[in-house]
Amino acid sequence: MHLDEVCLKGRNRRLFERTLARNVCAALGTGCKGLEMLGGRIVVELSQDVTDSLLKRLSILPGIADLAPAVSVPSEMEAIKEEAVRLVGASPAATFRVTAKRADKRFPITSQEMNRELGALIADRTGKKVRLESPEVELFVDVCSERTFLYINKIGGVGGLPVGSSGRLVASLSGGLDSPVAAFMMMKRGCEVVLVHAKGSVAGSSPSALRGKLEGIARALARAQLSSKLYIVPFENIQAQIIAHVPSTHRMILYRRAMMRVANRVAQLEKAKGIVTGDSLGQVASQTLENLRCIYAASELPVFAPLIGMNKAEIVAIARSIGTYDYSIIPSPDCCSFMVARHPETKARLRDVERMEEPIPIADLTEKAVAESEVLTIGAE
């Protein structure tokens, strides 16, 4: 596995490397026979066969740029040649290229010289043709001080920083497409993310269906951070107070301000340093600049909105790639949907919103809701 941004770190690089190594070991469990940090790489010796599911599990761990099942030989040209011929010869591909890199610059020939020498040998021994542009198979050769690693093709990782290297955040989880992607984007920045769902009252909805959906999203996200902590917060009393005291045009804004306070309270309990939302500027009425200002003003902690400049197609593509899409599209009525007015306010003023909140005992309601939360710890799928 090649490291991503960790390689750019300075004196604290070892901290990031140790965090990523710990995450890799945890993801593999008993499948990890041995692990070694080796010049911008993590070399893992497996006690099991390499499977597609294992590679997929590792590819979604933040901090990894790419990975591949590889074989190692002594860093001697004859050993490298024999393994190169074997690997490419075993492939059904008719065309190939060689991409060699020297991590150890003391190796007697350059990367370009190795590319040419190995390419000529493989072509002669196998009858396959060299094609530098769009070959059917690519042989990678990483030359290190004592061992050289050879592998065919490679799998892209998600990059970023390893989870656990940047602190803890709390993410509001609606059950839609956006909020799980926002949580994942902050995991890519090295954050451990605690999930919070505000469970309101919706006529005709199935609590078991919603719970299954939320647990599915949490399991998918746990692939990136090994396990997910999920708070399911009863929101019916807060919801009822907002409906009773607030005009329909402003209910969604006050509802989201109340959710922001709940997330802040959970953050206090979890010693988290900020709040994550799935907001995308202008996507819906509550996400205009004016309305977001009113909503974010309810938070005592910094608010992170990693999707703020993305469109829906970009968000959907990420949701598919991280495995949350299929859960997010499961139909499940939420309390937000029926609180949206036919013509909602798009340019709310903070002073008006705060005035509407005055009759609502929001602090007491928030404390009670969080205290009555159901808290789940969910492992990866």
Foldseek 3Di string as FASTA:
>chain_A
DAFFCLLVDDPCSVVLVVLLVVVLCLLCPQQFPDWDDAQRDIDTDGPDDDDPVSLLLSQAAAGDFWFFDKDKDWLDVVRVLVVLLVVVLVDPFQEEFEQEQEPPPVRPDHRVVSRVVSQVSNCVVRVGYYDPPPGPKYWYWYHGDTMIIIGIDIGGHPYATGAPPPFEEEEEDALALQRLLQQSVVNNNRYQYAYEYEAEDDPPFDPVLSVVLVLQSQQLSCSHVFKYKYKYFHCHVVLVVLVVQDPLQCSLLVVLLLVQVLRQVVCVVVVGQEYEYRAAAPPDLCRDPQNVVLSCVSHPHHYDHPNHPPDPVVSLVSCVSSVSNVSSPDDGDGPSVVSHDPNHDRRDHNVVSVVSCVVPPSVVSSVVRRVPIDMDMHGHD
